[in-house]
Amino acid sequence: MSTYLPKEVQDGLDAARLAGFRKSSRLRVRVGDEVYPVLRMWKGGFAVEEGSTPNLRGLIDLYDGANHLYQCLIVASEAEAGERRYDFKRSTAAADNAPLDFYRAPDAPVALLGHDAA
């Protein structure tokens, strides 16, 4: 049995695979004011469509729809089968508030109530 596929058939299979990724993924990468769709993501990186996305590098923000997931430092890895893959150098989960630089007890009061001096 031969594993060779003609170039036209392989190109058609790659195009169908990329179209499936495009439809099923809600992930987006934001660089400055530009937003590009992410085809797929794994633990150490992500992939975007090679033809419609410029070469990315540096600090990016990764979104799932409108939810900010990660702020990442990325490097280009490789381009293969119509997609460009990027590896995370650093990936930090996004938070709604700044991290505390002190320990807050779980049973600590939310606020202090004063009493009237009258």
PDB file of N, CA and C in Angstrom:
ATOM      1  N   MET A   1       0.830  -1.174   0.000  1.00  0.00           N
ATOM      2  CA  MET A   1       0.000   0.000   0.000  1.00  0.00           C
ATOM      3  C   MET A   1       0.881   1.246   0.000  1.00  0.00           C
ATOM      4  N   SER A   2       0.561   2.183  -0.821  1.00  0.00           N
ATOM      5  CA  SER A   2       1.352   3.397  -0.954  1.00  0.00           C
ATOM      6  C   SER A   2       0.792   4.497  -0.058  1.00  0.00           C
ATOM      7  N   THR A   3       1.669   5.285   0.560  1.00  0.00           N
ATOM      8  CA  THR A   3       1.240   6.403   1.390  1.00  0.00           C
ATOM      9  C   THR A   3       1.402   7.727   0.661  1.00  0.00           C
ATOM     10  N   TYR A   4       1.757   7.682  -0.599  1.00  0.00           N
ATOM     11  CA  TYR A   4       1.947   8.883  -1.397  1.00  0.00           C
ATOM     12  C   TYR A   4       0.594   9.434  -1.847  1.00  0.00           C
ATOM     13  N   LEU A   5       0.403  10.731  -1.692  1.00  0.00           N
ATOM     14  CA  LEU A   5      -0.795  11.400  -2.187  1.00  0.00           C
ATOM     15  C   LEU A   5      -0.377  12.455  -3.202  1.00  0.00           C
ATOM     16  N   PRO A   6      -1.118  12.591  -4.283  1.00  0.00           N
ATOM     17  CA  PRO A   6      -0.801  13.668  -5.227  1.00  0.00           C
ATOM     18  C   PRO A   6      -0.901  15.027  -4.545  1.00  0.00           C
ATOM     19  N   LYS A   7      -0.139  16.004  -5.041  1.00  0.00           N
ATOM     20  CA  LYS A   7      -0.091  17.339  -4.444  1.00  0.00           C
ATOM     21  C   LYS A   7      -1.473  17.978  -4.362  1.00  0.00           C
ATOM     22  N   GLU A   8      -2.314  17.810  -5.380  1.00  0.00           N
ATOM     23  CA  GLU A   8      -3.646  18.402  -5.386  1.00  0.00           C
ATOM     24  C   GLU A   8      -4.513  17.824  -4.266  1.00  0.00           C
ATOM     25  N   VAL A   9      -4.413  16.534  -4.056  1.00  0.00           N
ATOM     26  CA  VAL A   9      -5.197  15.879  -3.003  1.00  0.00           C
ATOM     27  C   VAL A   9      -4.708  16.339  -1.631  1.00  0.00           C
ATOM     28  N   GLN A  10      -3.389  16.406  -1.441  1.00  0.00           N
ATOM     29  CA  GLN A  10      -2.830  16.858  -0.161  1.00  0.00           C
ATOM     30  C   GLN A  10      -3.217  18.302   0.118  1.00  0.00           C
ATOM     31  N   ASP A  11      -3.176  19.163  -0.913  1.00  0.00           N
ATOM     32  CA  ASP A  11      -3.583  20.561  -0.730  1.00  0.00           C
ATOM     33  C   ASP A  11      -5.059  20.657  -0.354  1.00  0.00           C
ATOM     34  N   GLY A  12      -5.897  19.838  -0.967  1.00  0.00           N
ATOM     35  CA  GLY A  12      -7.325  19.828  -0.633  1.00  0.00           C
ATOM     36  C   GLY A  12      -7.569  19.368   0.790  1.00  0.00           C
ATOM     37  N   LEU A  13      -6.841  18.349   1.230  1.00  0.00           N
ATOM     38  CA  LEU A  13      -6.969  17.870   2.602  1.00  0.00           C
ATOM     39  C   LEU A  13      -6.515  18.926   3.608  1.00  0.00           C
ATOM     40  N   ASP A  14      -5.412  19.618   3.305  1.00  0.00           N
ATOM     41  CA  ASP A  14      -4.925  20.683   4.188  1.00  0.00           C
ATOM     42  C   ASP A  14      -5.921  21.828   4.272  1.00  0.00           C
ATOM     43  N   ALA A  15      -6.506  22.209   3.122  1.00  0.00           N
ATOM     44  CA  ALA A  15      -7.492  23.291   3.115  1.00  0.00           C
ATOM     45  C   ALA A  15      -8.730  22.913   3.928  1.00  0.00           C
ATOM     46  N   ALA A  16      -9.184  21.669   3.809  1.00  0.00           N
ATOM     47  CA  ALA A  16     -10.351  21.216   4.573  1.00  0.00           C
ATOM     48  C   ALA A  16     -10.051  21.180   6.071  1.00  0.00           C
ATOM     49  N   ARG A  17      -8.849  20.759   6.438  1.00  0.00           N
ATOM     50  CA  ARG A  17      -8.449  20.726   7.845  1.00  0.00           C
ATOM     51  C   ARG A  17      -8.407  22.133   8.431  1.00  0.00           C
ATOM     52  N   LEU A  18      -7.825  23.093   7.691  1.00  0.00           N
ATOM     53  CA  LEU A  18      -7.766  24.476   8.161  1.00  0.00           C
ATOM     54  C   LEU A  18      -9.155  25.089   8.279  1.00  0.00           C
ATOM     55  N   ALA A  19     -10.045  24.778   7.328  1.00  0.00           N
ATOM     56  CA  ALA A  19     -11.421  25.295   7.394  1.00  0.00           C
ATOM     57  C   ALA A  19     -12.140  24.752   8.626  1.00  0.00           C
ATOM     58  N   GLY A  20     -11.916  23.491   8.957  1.00  0.00           N
ATOM     59  CA  GLY A  20     -12.509  22.910  10.162  1.00  0.00           C
ATOM     60  C   GLY A  20     -12.001  23.577  11.427  1.00  0.00           C
ATOM     61  N   PHE A  21     -10.686  23.856  11.485  1.00  0.00           N
ATOM     62  CA  PHE A  21     -10.122  24.557  12.637  1.00  0.00           C
ATOM     63  C   PHE A  21     -10.719  25.956  12.756  1.00  0.00           C
ATOM     64  N   ARG A  22     -10.849  26.667  11.623  1.00  0.00           N
ATOM     65  CA  ARG A  22     -11.386  28.029  11.627  1.00  0.00           C
ATOM     66  C   ARG A  22     -12.804  28.071  12.174  1.00  0.00           C
ATOM     67  N   LYS A  23     -13.628  27.103  11.807  1.00  0.00           N
ATOM     68  CA  LYS A  23     -15.023  27.087  12.241  1.00  0.00           C
ATOM     69  C   LYS A  23     -15.164  26.757  13.723  1.00  0.00           C
ATOM     70  N   SER A  24     -14.310  25.885  14.225  1.00  0.00           N
ATOM     71  CA  SER A  24     -14.497  25.384  15.582  1.00  0.00           C
ATOM     72  C   SER A  24     -13.780  26.201  16.658  1.00  0.00           C
ATOM     73  N   SER A  25     -12.860  27.055  16.286  1.00  0.00           N
ATOM     74  CA  SER A  25     -12.064  27.766  17.282  1.00  0.00           C
ATOM     75  C   SER A  25     -12.606  29.156  17.565  1.00  0.00           C
ATOM     76  N   ARG A  26     -12.736  29.496  18.856  1.00  0.00           N
ATOM     77  CA  ARG A  26     -13.124  30.840  19.273  1.00  0.00           C
ATOM     78  C   ARG A  26     -11.900  31.640  19.713  1.00  0.00           C
ATOM     79  N   LEU A  27     -10.749  31.019  19.721  1.00  0.00           N
ATOM     80  CA  LEU A  27      -9.534  31.670  20.208  1.00  0.00           C
ATOM     81  C   LEU A  27      -9.062  32.748  19.238  1.00  0.00           C
ATOM     82  N   ARG A  28      -8.555  33.838  19.811  1.00  0.00           N
ATOM     83  CA  ARG A  28      -8.025  34.957  19.035  1.00  0.00           C
ATOM     84  C   ARG A  28      -6.735  35.424  19.688  1.00  0.00           C
ATOM     85  N   VAL A  29      -5.823  35.909  18.856  1.00  0.00           N
ATOM     86  CA  VAL A  29      -4.602  36.508  19.364  1.00  0.00           C
ATOM     87  C   VAL A  29      -4.650  37.993  19.003  1.00  0.00           C
ATOM     88  N   ARG A  30      -4.297  38.834  19.973  1.00  0.00           N
ATOM     89  CA  ARG A  30      -4.329  40.280  19.760  1.00  0.00           C
ATOM     90  C   ARG A  30      -2.922  40.831  19.902  1.00  0.00           C
ATOM     91  N   VAL A  31      -2.497  41.551  18.850  1.00  0.00           N
ATOM     92  CA  VAL A  31      -1.192  42.191  18.832  1.00  0.00           C
ATOM     93  C   VAL A  31      -1.436  43.666  18.543  1.00  0.00           C
ATOM     94  N   GLY A  32      -1.274  44.514  19.541  1.00  0.00           N
ATOM     95  CA  GLY A  32      -1.592  45.936  19.369  1.00  0.00           C
ATOM     96  C   GLY A  32      -3.088  46.090  19.141  1.00  0.00           C
ATOM     97  N   ASP A  33      -3.460  46.661  17.988  1.00  0.00           N
ATOM     98  CA  ASP A  33      -4.875  46.824  17.648  1.00  0.00           C
ATOM     99  C   ASP A  33      -5.374  45.749  16.701  1.00  0.00           C
ATOM    100  N   GLU A  34      -4.494  44.877  16.238  1.00  0.00           N
ATOM    101  CA  GLU A  34      -4.856  43.827  15.281  1.00  0.00           C
ATOM    102  C   GLU A  34      -5.258  42.540  16.009  1.00  0.00           C
ATOM    103  N   VAL A  35      -6.261  41.845  15.449  1.00  0.00           N
ATOM    104  CA  VAL A  35      -6.742  40.587  16.020  1.00  0.00           C
ATOM    105  C   VAL A  35      -6.708  39.521  14.935  1.00  0.00           C
ATOM    106  N   TYR A  36      -6.149  38.348  15.263  1.00  0.00           N
ATOM    107  CA  TYR A  36      -6.030  37.247  14.309  1.00  0.00           C
ATOM    108  C   TYR A  36      -6.615  35.979  14.932  1.00  0.00           C
ATOM    109  N   PRO A  37      -7.317  35.159  14.145  1.00  0.00           N
ATOM    110  CA  PRO A  37      -7.880  33.919  14.684  1.00  0.00           C
ATOM    111  C   PRO A  37      -6.797  32.872  14.930  1.00  0.00           C
ATOM    112  N   VAL A  38      -6.961  32.123  16.002  1.00  0.00           N
ATOM    113  CA  VAL A  38      -6.061  31.027  16.343  1.00  0.00           C
ATOM    114  C   VAL A  38      -6.728  29.727  15.901  1.00  0.00           C
ATOM    115  N   LEU A  39      -5.998  28.914  15.151  1.00  0.00           N
ATOM    116  CA  LEU A  39      -6.563  27.656  14.672  1.00  0.00           C
ATOM    117  C   LEU A  39      -6.640  26.623  15.785  1.00  0.00           C
ATOM    118  N   ARG A  40      -5.571  26.493  16.540  1.00  0.00           N
ATOM    119  CA  ARG A  40      -5.554  25.539  17.643  1.00  0.00           C
ATOM    120  C   ARG A  40      -4.502  25.958  18.651  1.00  0.00           C
ATOM    121  N   MET A  41      -4.653  25.459  19.871  1.00  0.00           N
ATOM    122  CA  MET A  41      -3.731  25.789  20.949  1.00  0.00           C
ATOM    123  C   MET A  41      -3.409  24.521  21.727  1.00  0.00           C
ATOM    124  N   TRP A  42      -2.196  24.402  22.211  1.00  0.00           N
ATOM    125  CA  TRP A  42      -1.780  23.293  23.049  1.00  0.00           C
ATOM    126  C   TRP A  42      -0.991  23.864  24.217  1.00  0.00           C
ATOM    127  N   LYS A  43      -0.508  23.017  25.091  1.00  0.00           N
ATOM    128  CA  LYS A  43       0.131  23.465  26.333  1.00  0.00           C
ATOM    129  C   LYS A  43       1.303  24.414  26.089  1.00  0.00           C
ATOM    130  N   GLY A  44       2.109  24.160  25.074  1.00  0.00           N
ATOM    131  CA  GLY A  44       3.311  24.957  24.869  1.00  0.00           C
ATOM    132  C   GLY A  44       3.233  25.980  23.764  1.00  0.00           C
ATOM    133  N   GLY A  45       2.051  26.164  23.125  1.00  0.00           N
ATOM    134  CA  GLY A  45       1.982  27.135  22.047  1.00  0.00           C
ATOM    135  C   GLY A  45       0.642  27.141  21.341  1.00  0.00           C
ATOM    136  N   PHE A  46       0.626  27.725  20.144  1.00  0.00           N
ATOM    137  CA  PHE A  46      -0.593  27.823  19.350  1.00  0.00           C
ATOM    138  C   PHE A  46      -0.228  27.923  17.878  1.00  0.00           C
ATOM    139  N   ALA A  47      -1.242  27.826  17.014  1.00  0.00           N
ATOM    140  CA  ALA A  47      -1.026  27.905  15.573  1.00  0.00           C
ATOM    141  C   ALA A  47      -2.047  28.856  14.961  1.00  0.00           C
ATOM    142  N   VAL A  48      -1.600  29.644  13.976  1.00  0.00           N
ATOM    143  CA  VAL A  48      -2.468  30.541  13.211  1.00  0.00           C
ATOM    144  C   VAL A  48      -2.326  30.197  11.736  1.00  0.00           C
ATOM    145  N   GLU A  49      -3.247  30.715  10.926  1.00  0.00           N
ATOM    146  CA  GLU A  49      -3.187  30.463   9.493  1.00  0.00           C
ATOM    147  C   GLU A  49      -1.997  31.216   8.905  1.00  0.00           C
ATOM    148  N   GLU A  50      -1.208  30.534   8.104  1.00  0.00           N
ATOM    149  CA  GLU A  50       0.034  31.105   7.604  1.00  0.00           C
ATOM    150  C   GLU A  50      -0.186  32.245   6.614  1.00  0.00           C
ATOM    151  N   GLY A  51      -1.135  32.103   5.703  1.00  0.00           N
ATOM    152  CA  GLY A  51      -1.302  33.094   4.651  1.00  0.00           C
ATOM    153  C   GLY A  51      -1.930  34.397   5.095  1.00  0.00           C
ATOM    154  N   SER A  52      -2.821  34.376   6.073  1.00  0.00           N
ATOM    155  CA  SER A  52      -3.568  35.582   6.451  1.00  0.00           C
ATOM    156  C   SER A  52      -3.018  36.296   7.679  1.00  0.00           C
ATOM    157  N   THR A  53      -1.988  35.755   8.302  1.00  0.00           N
ATOM    158  CA  THR A  53      -1.433  36.347   9.522  1.00  0.00           C
ATOM    159  C   THR A  53       0.035  36.689   9.303  1.00  0.00           C
ATOM    160  N   PRO A  54       0.443  37.926   9.618  1.00  0.00           N
ATOM    161  CA  PRO A  54       1.871  38.257   9.485  1.00  0.00           C
ATOM    162  C   PRO A  54       2.693  37.526  10.536  1.00  0.00           C
ATOM    163  N   ASN A  55       3.997  37.565  10.384  1.00  0.00           N
ATOM    164  CA  ASN A  55       4.871  36.947  11.386  1.00  0.00           C
ATOM    165  C   ASN A  55       4.730  37.703  12.699  1.00  0.00           C
ATOM    166  N   LEU A  56       4.396  36.990  13.743  1.00  0.00           N
ATOM    167  CA  LEU A  56       4.207  37.579  15.070  1.00  0.00           C
ATOM    168  C   LEU A  56       5.434  37.301  15.911  1.00  0.00           C
ATOM    169  N   ARG A  57       5.706  38.195  16.846  1.00  0.00           N
ATOM    170  CA  ARG A  57       6.750  37.951  17.827  1.00  0.00           C
ATOM    171  C   ARG A  57       6.585  38.929  18.964  1.00  0.00           C
ATOM    172  N   GLY A  58       7.086  38.541  20.105  1.00  0.00           N
ATOM    173  CA  GLY A  58       7.018  39.418  21.262  1.00  0.00           C
ATOM    174  C   GLY A  58       5.811  39.159  22.136  1.00  0.00           C
ATOM    175  N   LEU A  59       5.269  40.217  22.703  1.00  0.00           N
ATOM    176  CA  LEU A  59       4.188  40.128  23.677  1.00  0.00           C
ATOM    177  C   LEU A  59       2.835  40.181  22.980  1.00  0.00           C
ATOM    178  N   ILE A  60       1.976  39.203  23.253  1.00  0.00           N
ATOM    179  CA  ILE A  60       0.635  39.124  22.660  1.00  0.00           C
ATOM    180  C   ILE A  60      -0.383  38.823  23.758  1.00  0.00           C
ATOM    181  N   ASP A  61      -1.642  39.051  23.452  1.00  0.00           N
ATOM    182  CA  ASP A  61      -2.732  38.688  24.349  1.00  0.00           C
ATOM    183  C   ASP A  61      -3.569  37.623  23.674  1.00  0.00           C
ATOM    184  N   LEU A  62      -3.942  36.589  24.414  1.00  0.00           N
ATOM    185  CA  LEU A  62      -4.716  35.471  23.884  1.00  0.00           C
ATOM    186  C   LEU A  62      -6.110  35.508  24.492  1.00  0.00           C
ATOM    187  N   TYR A  63      -7.140  35.493  23.632  1.00  0.00           N
ATOM    188  CA  TYR A  63      -8.539  35.611  24.051  1.00  0.00           C
ATOM    189  C   TYR A  63      -9.334  34.391  23.620  1.00  0.00           C
ATOM    190  N   ASP A  64     -10.326  34.034  24.420  1.00  0.00           N
ATOM    191  CA  ASP A  64     -11.349  33.059  24.036  1.00  0.00           C
ATOM    192  C   ASP A  64     -12.642  33.850  23.942  1.00  0.00           C
ATOM    193  N   GLY A  65     -13.023  34.228  22.738  1.00  0.00           N
ATOM    194  CA  GLY A  65     -14.150  35.136  22.563  1.00  0.00           C
ATOM    195  C   GLY A  65     -13.778  36.487  23.147  1.00  0.00           C
ATOM    196  N   ALA A  66     -14.523  36.945  24.163  1.00  0.00           N
ATOM    197  CA  ALA A  66     -14.225  38.220  24.817  1.00  0.00           C
ATOM    198  C   ALA A  66     -13.419  38.037  26.099  1.00  0.00           C
ATOM    199  N   ASN A  67     -13.179  36.802  26.522  1.00  0.00           N
ATOM    200  CA  ASN A  67     -12.462  36.525  27.771  1.00  0.00           C
ATOM    201  C   ASN A  67     -10.955  36.539  27.543  1.00  0.00           C
ATOM    202  N   HIS A  68     -10.268  37.396  28.284  1.00  0.00           N
ATOM    203  CA  HIS A  68      -8.817  37.475  28.205  1.00  0.00           C
ATOM    204  C   HIS A  68      -8.226  36.304  28.985  1.00  0.00           C
ATOM    205  N   LEU A  69      -7.560  35.382  28.281  1.00  0.00           N
ATOM    206  CA  LEU A  69      -7.016  34.193  28.928  1.00  0.00           C
ATOM    207  C   LEU A  69      -5.582  34.378  29.404  1.00  0.00           C
ATOM    208  N   TYR A  70      -4.696  34.774  28.484  1.00  0.00           N
ATOM    209  CA  TYR A  70      -3.262  34.809  28.786  1.00  0.00           C
ATOM    210  C   TYR A  70      -2.604  36.030  28.165  1.00  0.00           C
ATOM    211  N   GLN A  71      -1.532  36.455  28.799  1.00  0.00           N
ATOM    212  CA  GLN A  71      -0.605  37.383  28.183  1.00  0.00           C
ATOM    213  C   GLN A  71       0.658  36.565  27.968  1.00  0.00           C
ATOM    214  N   CYS A  72       1.135  36.514  26.729  1.00  0.00           N
ATOM    215  CA  CYS A  72       2.201  35.582  26.366  1.00  0.00           C
ATOM    216  C   CYS A  72       3.352  36.280  25.669  1.00  0.00           C
ATOM    217  N   LEU A  73       4.530  35.747  25.882  1.00  0.00           N
ATOM    218  CA  LEU A  73       5.718  36.120  25.132  1.00  0.00           C
ATOM    219  C   LEU A  73       5.984  34.944  24.196  1.00  0.00           C
ATOM    220  N   ILE A  74       6.016  35.202  22.888  1.00  0.00           N
ATOM    221  CA  ILE A  74       6.075  34.106  21.926  1.00  0.00           C
ATOM    222  C   ILE A  74       7.282  34.222  21.002  1.00  0.00           C
ATOM    223  N   VAL A  75       7.644  33.084  20.415  1.00  0.00           N
ATOM    224  CA  VAL A  75       8.636  33.011  19.350  1.00  0.00           C
ATOM    225  C   VAL A  75       8.082  32.114  18.261  1.00  0.00           C
ATOM    226  N   ALA A  76       8.410  32.435  17.011  1.00  0.00           N
ATOM    227  CA  ALA A  76       7.956  31.619  15.891  1.00  0.00           C
ATOM    228  C   ALA A  76       8.683  30.289  15.915  1.00  0.00           C
ATOM    229  N   SER A  77       7.943  29.225  15.656  1.00  0.00           N
ATOM    230  CA  SER A  77       8.524  27.899  15.686  1.00  0.00           C
ATOM    231  C   SER A  77       8.745  27.364  14.275  1.00  0.00           C
ATOM    232  N   GLU A  78       7.651  27.116  13.545  1.00  0.00           N
ATOM    233  CA  GLU A  78       7.768  26.565  12.203  1.00  0.00           C
ATOM    234  C   GLU A  78       6.477  26.786  11.437  1.00  0.00           C
ATOM    235  N   ALA A  79       6.580  26.676  10.125  1.00  0.00           N
ATOM    236  CA  ALA A  79       5.408  26.753   9.261  1.00  0.00           C
ATOM    237  C   ALA A  79       5.274  25.425   8.538  1.00  0.00           C
ATOM    238  N   GLU A  80       4.075  24.857   8.598  1.00  0.00           N
ATOM    239  CA  GLU A  80       3.850  23.559   7.971  1.00  0.00           C
ATOM    240  C   GLU A  80       2.370  23.389   7.683  1.00  0.00           C
ATOM    241  N   ALA A  81       2.053  22.877   6.510  1.00  0.00           N
ATOM    242  CA  ALA A  81       0.685  22.524   6.106  1.00  0.00           C
ATOM    243  C   ALA A  81      -0.286  23.698   6.241  1.00  0.00           C
ATOM    244  N   GLY A  82       0.165  24.913   5.877  1.00  0.00           N
ATOM    245  CA  GLY A  82      -0.726  26.060   5.876  1.00  0.00           C
ATOM    246  C   GLY A  82      -0.902  26.758   7.202  1.00  0.00           C
ATOM    247  N   GLU A  83      -0.172  26.348   8.220  1.00  0.00           N
ATOM    248  CA  GLU A  83      -0.272  27.018   9.515  1.00  0.00           C
ATOM    249  C   GLU A  83       1.107  27.358  10.040  1.00  0.00           C
ATOM    250  N   ARG A  84       1.172  28.445  10.796  1.00  0.00           N
ATOM    251  CA  ARG A  84       2.427  28.855  11.430  1.00  0.00           C
ATOM    252  C   ARG A  84       2.279  28.611  12.920  1.00  0.00           C
ATOM    253  N   ARG A  85       3.243  27.904  13.470  1.00  0.00           N
ATOM    254  CA  ARG A  85       3.203  27.540  14.880  1.00  0.00           C
ATOM    255  C   ARG A  85       4.108  28.462  15.689  1.00  0.00           C
ATOM    256  N   TYR A  86       3.646  28.786  16.890  1.00  0.00           N
ATOM    257  CA  TYR A  86       4.398  29.630  17.814  1.00  0.00           C
ATOM    258  C   TYR A  86       4.534  28.915  19.143  1.00  0.00           C
ATOM    259  N   ASP A  87       5.671  29.106  19.781  1.00  0.00           N
ATOM    260  CA  ASP A  87       5.926  28.530  21.105  1.00  0.00           C
ATOM    261  C   ASP A  87       5.886  29.643  22.147  1.00  0.00           C
ATOM    262  N   PHE A  88       5.393  29.297  23.330  1.00  0.00           N
ATOM    263  CA  PHE A  88       5.369  30.243  24.443  1.00  0.00           C
ATOM    264  C   PHE A  88       6.732  30.258  25.120  1.00  0.00           C
ATOM    265  N   LYS A  89       7.314  31.445  25.282  1.00  0.00           N
ATOM    266  CA  LYS A  89       8.470  31.593  26.158  1.00  0.00           C
ATOM    267  C   LYS A  89       7.970  31.829  27.572  1.00  0.00           C
ATOM    268  N   ARG A  90       6.846  32.569  27.649  1.00  0.00           N
ATOM    269  CA  ARG A  90       6.199  32.850  28.925  1.00  0.00           C
ATOM    270  C   ARG A  90       4.710  32.964  28.662  1.00  0.00           C
ATOM    271  N   SER A  91       3.914  32.396  29.546  1.00  0.00           N
ATOM    272  CA  SER A  91       2.462  32.478  29.423  1.00  0.00           C
ATOM    273  C   SER A  91       1.893  32.742  30.812  1.00  0.00           C
ATOM    274  N   THR A  92       1.305  33.918  31.002  1.00  0.00           N
ATOM    275  CA  THR A  92       0.779  34.319  32.299  1.00  0.00           C
ATOM    276  C   THR A  92      -0.734  34.446  32.208  1.00  0.00           C
ATOM    277  N   ALA A  93      -1.428  33.770  33.099  1.00  0.00           N
ATOM    278  CA  ALA A  93      -2.888  33.843  33.116  1.00  0.00           C
ATOM    279  C   ALA A  93      -3.324  35.263  33.448  1.00  0.00           C
ATOM    280  N   ALA A  94      -4.323  35.744  32.729  1.00  0.00           N
ATOM    281  CA  ALA A  94      -4.834  37.093  32.954  1.00  0.00           C
ATOM    282  C   ALA A  94      -5.716  37.101  34.200  1.00  0.00           C
ATOM    283  N   ALA A  95      -5.657  38.192  34.954  1.00  0.00           N
ATOM    284  CA  ALA A  95      -6.463  38.333  36.169  1.00  0.00           C
ATOM    285  C   ALA A  95      -7.213  39.655  36.123  1.00  0.00           C
ATOM    286  N   ASP A  96      -8.335  39.704  36.837  1.00  0.00           N
ATOM    287  CA  ASP A  96      -9.144  40.920  36.868  1.00  0.00           C
ATOM    288  C   ASP A  96      -8.567  41.988  37.802  1.00  0.00           C
ATOM    289  N   ASN A  97      -7.753  41.557  38.749  1.00  0.00           N
ATOM    290  CA  ASN A  97      -7.211  42.513  39.703  1.00  0.00           C
ATOM    291  C   ASN A  97      -5.708  42.280  39.864  1.00  0.00           C
ATOM    292  N   ALA A  98      -5.037  43.257  40.442  1.00  0.00           N
ATOM    293  CA  ALA A  98      -3.594  43.159  40.646  1.00  0.00           C
ATOM    294  C   ALA A  98      -3.283  42.146  41.742  1.00  0.00           C
ATOM    295  N   PRO A  99      -2.160  41.458  41.649  1.00  0.00           N
ATOM    296  CA  PRO A  99      -1.801  40.511  42.708  1.00  0.00           C
ATOM    297  C   PRO A  99      -1.450  41.240  43.999  1.00  0.00           C
ATOM    298  N   LEU A 100      -1.765  40.611  45.121  1.00  0.00           N
ATOM    299  CA  LEU A 100      -1.463  41.192  46.431  1.00  0.00           C
ATOM    300  C   LEU A 100      -0.012  40.941  46.788  1.00  0.00           C
ATOM    301  N   ASP A 101       0.601  41.864  47.494  1.00  0.00           N
ATOM    302  CA  ASP A 101       1.975  41.664  47.949  1.00  0.00           C
ATOM    303  C   ASP A 101       2.009  41.371  49.451  1.00  0.00           C
ATOM    304  N   PHE A 102       0.864  40.921  49.983  1.00  0.00           N
ATOM    305  CA  PHE A 102       0.778  40.536  51.387  1.00  0.00           C
ATOM    306  C   PHE A 102      -0.245  39.411  51.497  1.00  0.00           C
ATOM    307  N   TYR A 103      -0.222  38.704  52.641  1.00  0.00           N
ATOM    308  CA  TYR A 103      -1.151  37.607  52.878  1.00  0.00           C
ATOM    309  C   TYR A 103      -2.464  38.159  53.399  1.00  0.00           C
ATOM    310  N   ARG A 104      -3.563  37.743  52.786  1.00  0.00           N
ATOM    311  CA  ARG A 104      -4.888  38.129  53.262  1.00  0.00           C
ATOM    312  C   ARG A 104      -5.553  36.877  53.822  1.00  0.00           C
ATOM    313  N   ALA A 105      -5.886  36.931  55.102  1.00  0.00           N
ATOM    314  CA  ALA A 105      -6.533  35.782  55.747  1.00  0.00           C
ATOM    315  C   ALA A 105      -7.909  35.550  55.129  1.00  0.00           C
ATOM    316  N   PRO A 106      -8.309  34.298  54.975  1.00  0.00           N
ATOM    317  CA  PRO A 106      -9.612  34.025  54.367  1.00  0.00           C
ATOM    318  C   PRO A 106     -10.779  34.566  55.186  1.00  0.00           C
ATOM    319  N   ASP A 107     -10.599  34.685  56.508  1.00  0.00           N
ATOM    320  CA  ASP A 107     -11.689  35.190  57.351  1.00  0.00           C
ATOM    321  C   ASP A 107     -11.501  36.672  57.725  1.00  0.00           C
ATOM    322  N   ALA A 108     -10.666  37.386  57.026  1.00  0.00           N
ATOM    323  CA  ALA A 108     -10.424  38.798  57.305  1.00  0.00           C
ATOM    324  C   ALA A 108     -11.656  39.627  56.953  1.00  0.00           C
ATOM    325  N   PRO A 109     -11.906  40.687  57.718  1.00  0.00           N
ATOM    326  CA  PRO A 109     -13.068  41.540  57.397  1.00  0.00           C
ATOM    327  C   PRO A 109     -12.852  42.274  56.078  1.00  0.00           C
ATOM    328  N   VAL A 110     -13.942  42.556  55.412  1.00  0.00           N
ATOM    329  CA  VAL A 110     -13.882  43.265  54.142  1.00  0.00           C
ATOM    330  C   VAL A 110     -13.609  44.746  54.382  1.00  0.00           C
ATOM    331  N   ALA A 111     -14.205  45.298  55.426  1.00  0.00           N
ATOM    332  CA  ALA A 111     -14.021  46.710  55.749  1.00  0.00           C
ATOM    333  C   ALA A 111     -14.158  46.897  57.254  1.00  0.00           C
ATOM    334  N   LEU A 112     -13.679  47.988  57.751  1.00  0.00           N
ATOM    335  CA  LEU A 112     -13.820  48.318  59.171  1.00  0.00           C
ATOM    336  C   LEU A 112     -14.944  49.331  59.323  1.00  0.00           C
ATOM    337  N   LEU A 113     -15.806  49.075  60.286  1.00  0.00           N
ATOM    338  CA  LEU A 113     -16.908  49.989  60.555  1.00  0.00           C
ATOM    339  C   LEU A 113     -16.587  50.804  61.794  1.00  0.00           C
ATOM    340  N   GLY A 114     -16.700  52.114  61.665  1.00  0.00           N
ATOM    341  CA  GLY A 114     -16.434  52.992  62.809  1.00  0.00           C
ATOM    342  C   GLY A 114     -17.735  53.279  63.557  1.00  0.00           C
ATOM    343  N   HIS A 115     -17.635  53.762  64.748  1.00  0.00           N
ATOM    344  CA  HIS A 115     -18.835  54.129  65.495  1.00  0.00           C
ATOM    345  C   HIS A 115     -18.894  55.642  65.611  1.00  0.00           C
ATOM    346  N   ASP A 116     -20.088  56.143  65.772  1.00  0.00           N
ATOM    347  CA  ASP A 116     -20.292  57.596  65.814  1.00  0.00           C
ATOM    348  C   ASP A 116     -19.691  58.171  67.083  1.00  0.00           C
ATOM    349  N   ALA A 117     -19.071  59.309  66.949  1.00  0.00           N
ATOM    350  CA  ALA A 117     -18.466  59.994  68.094  1.00  0.00           C
ATOM    351  C   ALA A 117     -19.464  60.957  68.735  1.00  0.00           C
ATOM    352  N   ALA A 118     -20.692  60.943  68.335  1.00  0.00           N
ATOM    353  CA  ALA A 118     -21.674  61.890  68.823  1.00  0.00           C
ATOM    354  C   ALA A 118     -22.185  61.607  70.179  1.00  0.00           C
TER     355      ALA A 118
END
